[in-house]
Amino acid sequence: MLDYRFPTALQMVLSVAMAEQLGERSTSAILAYGLEANPSFIRKLMVPLTRDGIIVSTLGRNGSIHLGRPAEKITLRDIYVSVTEDKKLWASRPDIPARCVVSANACWYFKSIADEAEQASLEVLARHTVASALAEVQKANTSGFDLVPDIVAQHKKAL
């Protein structure tokens, strides 16, 4: 099963960062609408992001979501670790009976390769910040959309 927590959380945080740049308001409803995601999934992802200080959420009719610290201080690694918690990139098979050279050694070998791949992935994510990612997304924008104002306008029309 594919795990969509990280890419969805990344899109959420980038959307919040862009909204802040443009002086717009972010809410879980606006994020859910813009990401075409279930609102309960968005709220579920907000829990670890809030716990880890990546976002801050205020409640009430005029509540909104903001970055918990400057975009330059939030790495993509921070977001990934926050929402995936202790889940490994790849899980090895549970210990199986040693019936041959392969079954006796494949688990530890796979685990060592998976740990190396996980560490490399975390190092890549640590080199990118929300600010640099947002700049890249804005630079690559060929859609013609001003992301957040269009999402806000469409969300208001849907209500």
Protein backbone atom coordinates (compact mmCIF):
# COMPACT_ATOMS: atom_id res chain seq x y z
CA MET A 1 0.00 0.00 0.00
CA LEU A 2 1.32 3.43 -0.92
CA ASP A 3 1.80 5.91 1.88
CA TYR A 4 0.56 9.40 0.98
CA ARG A 5 1.28 11.08 4.32
CA PHE A 6 4.54 12.76 3.34
CA PRO A 7 3.57 14.11 -0.11
CA THR A 8 0.25 15.35 1.26
CA ALA A 9 1.89 16.96 4.31
CA LEU A 10 4.48 18.58 2.05
CA GLN A 11 1.74 20.03 -0.15
CA MET A 12 -0.09 21.24 2.95
CA VAL A 13 2.96 23.02 4.35
CA LEU A 14 3.86 24.53 0.97
CA SER A 15 0.26 25.77 0.58
CA VAL A 16 0.36 27.34 4.04
CA ALA A 17 3.72 28.97 3.25
CA MET A 18 2.41 30.37 -0.03
CA ALA A 19 -0.76 31.65 1.65
CA GLU A 20 1.40 33.46 4.19
CA GLN A 21 3.49 35.03 1.41
CA LEU A 22 0.32 36.28 -0.26
CA GLY A 23 -1.39 37.40 2.95
CA GLU A 24 -4.13 34.80 2.55
CA ARG A 25 -5.75 32.63 5.19
CA SER A 26 -5.27 28.84 5.37
CA THR A 27 -7.75 26.46 6.96
CA SER A 28 -8.06 22.70 6.97
CA ALA A 29 -11.12 23.02 4.70
CA ILE A 30 -9.21 25.14 2.18
CA LEU A 31 -6.27 22.72 2.26
CA ALA A 32 -8.53 19.69 1.83
CA TYR A 33 -10.30 21.32 -1.10
CA GLY A 34 -7.07 22.43 -2.78
CA LEU A 35 -5.41 19.05 -2.38
CA GLU A 36 -8.55 17.07 -3.22
CA ALA A 37 -8.02 15.20 0.03
CA ASN A 38 -10.39 14.00 2.68
CA PRO A 39 -10.71 16.73 5.36
CA SER A 40 -10.26 14.13 8.11
CA PHE A 41 -6.95 13.05 6.51
CA ILE A 42 -5.80 16.68 6.48
CA ARG A 43 -6.76 17.11 10.15
CA LYS A 44 -5.01 13.83 11.00
CA LEU A 45 -1.79 15.09 9.37
CA MET A 46 -2.11 18.39 11.22
CA VAL A 47 -1.67 16.62 14.57
CA PRO A 48 2.00 15.62 14.19
CA LEU A 49 2.83 18.77 12.21
CA THR A 50 1.43 20.87 15.06
CA ARG A 51 3.07 18.71 17.73
CA ASP A 52 6.46 19.21 16.06
CA GLY A 53 6.02 22.97 15.63
CA ILE A 54 5.91 22.88 11.84
CA ILE A 55 2.47 24.48 11.74
CA VAL A 56 0.35 26.35 14.26
CA SER A 57 -3.40 26.19 14.14
CA THR A 58 -5.87 28.55 15.77
CA LEU A 59 -9.44 27.45 16.34
CA GLY A 60 -12.74 29.21 15.87
CA ARG A 61 -14.64 30.95 13.11
CA ASN A 62 -11.63 33.06 12.19
CA GLY A 63 -9.11 30.31 12.90
CA SER A 64 -6.29 29.63 10.53
CA ILE A 65 -3.12 27.64 9.97
CA HIS A 66 0.33 29.26 9.92
CA LEU A 67 3.89 28.02 9.77
CA GLY A 68 5.24 27.33 13.24
CA ARG A 69 8.65 28.79 12.36
CA PRO A 70 10.18 30.55 9.36
CA ALA A 71 10.04 28.59 6.09
CA GLU A 72 13.85 28.70 5.92
CA LYS A 73 14.00 26.80 9.23
CA ILE A 74 11.69 23.92 8.23
CA THR A 75 13.33 21.15 6.23
CA LEU A 76 11.53 18.56 4.17
CA ARG A 77 13.16 16.03 6.53
CA ASP A 78 11.31 17.69 9.43
CA ILE A 79 8.00 17.20 7.62
CA TYR A 80 8.79 13.61 6.61
CA VAL A 81 9.87 12.53 10.09
CA SER A 82 6.89 14.30 11.66
CA VAL A 83 4.19 12.57 9.65
CA THR A 84 5.77 9.15 9.13
CA GLU A 85 7.08 8.96 12.70
CA ASP A 86 8.88 5.63 13.17
CA LYS A 87 7.62 3.95 10.01
CA LYS A 88 10.54 2.79 7.91
CA LEU A 89 10.83 3.44 4.19
CA TRP A 90 10.94 -0.30 3.58
CA ALA A 91 10.07 -3.04 6.02
CA SER A 92 11.97 -6.29 6.01
CA ARG A 93 10.14 -9.57 6.20
CA PRO A 94 9.69 -10.93 9.67
CA ASP A 95 12.23 -13.46 10.76
CA ILE A 96 11.71 -16.64 8.81
CA PRO A 97 13.16 -20.05 9.55
CA ALA A 98 16.70 -20.52 8.27
CA ARG A 99 16.35 -23.25 5.68
CA CYS A 100 19.17 -22.27 3.35
CA VAL A 101 21.92 -19.67 2.94
CA VAL A 102 19.45 -17.13 1.52
CA SER A 103 16.75 -17.51 4.16
CA ALA A 104 19.39 -17.49 6.90
CA ASN A 105 20.92 -14.19 5.76
CA ALA A 106 18.51 -12.26 3.54
CA CYS A 107 16.71 -10.47 6.40
CA TRP A 108 19.78 -8.81 7.93
CA TYR A 109 21.13 -8.00 4.45
CA PHE A 110 17.88 -6.36 3.33
CA LYS A 111 17.66 -4.45 6.62
CA SER A 112 21.17 -3.05 6.15
CA ILE A 113 20.38 -1.94 2.58
CA ALA A 114 17.04 -0.45 3.64
CA ASP A 115 18.71 1.44 6.51
CA GLU A 116 21.31 2.84 4.11
CA ALA A 117 18.60 3.94 1.64
CA GLU A 118 16.57 5.53 4.44
CA GLN A 119 19.59 7.49 5.69
CA ALA A 120 20.38 8.70 2.16
CA SER A 121 16.76 9.81 1.70
CA LEU A 122 16.77 11.71 4.99
CA GLU A 123 20.03 13.45 4.02
CA VAL A 124 18.50 14.61 0.72
CA LEU A 125 15.35 15.88 2.47
CA ALA A 126 17.46 17.71 5.07
CA ARG A 127 19.12 19.75 2.31
CA HIS A 128 15.81 21.29 1.22
CA THR A 129 13.73 23.78 3.16
CA VAL A 130 10.11 24.81 2.76
CA ALA A 131 11.38 28.17 1.49
CA SER A 132 13.59 26.60 -1.19
CA ALA A 133 10.89 24.09 -2.18
CA LEU A 134 8.27 26.83 -2.51
CA ALA A 135 10.65 28.91 -4.62
CA GLU A 136 11.20 25.92 -6.93
CA VAL A 137 7.46 25.25 -7.19
CA GLN A 138 6.76 28.89 -8.00
CA LYS A 139 9.60 29.01 -10.55
CA ALA A 140 8.33 25.86 -12.27
CA ASN A 141 4.70 27.05 -12.34
CA THR A 142 3.44 26.72 -15.88
CA SER A 143 -0.20 26.26 -14.90
CA GLY A 144 -1.07 29.94 -14.88
CA PHE A 145 -2.57 29.58 -11.39
CA ASP A 146 -1.92 31.77 -8.42
CA LEU A 147 -2.29 28.69 -6.24
CA VAL A 148 -3.74 29.96 -3.01
CA PRO A 149 -6.08 32.73 -4.25
CA ASP A 150 -7.57 30.33 -6.81
CA ILE A 151 -8.08 27.64 -4.16
CA VAL A 152 -9.66 30.13 -1.76
CA ALA A 153 -11.96 31.51 -4.47
CA GLN A 154 -13.04 28.04 -5.60
CA HIS A 155 -13.60 26.92 -2.00
CA LYS A 156 -15.80 29.96 -1.33
CA LYS A 157 -17.83 29.23 -4.49
CA ALA A 158 -18.33 25.62 -3.38
CA LEU A 159 -19.80 26.76 -0.06
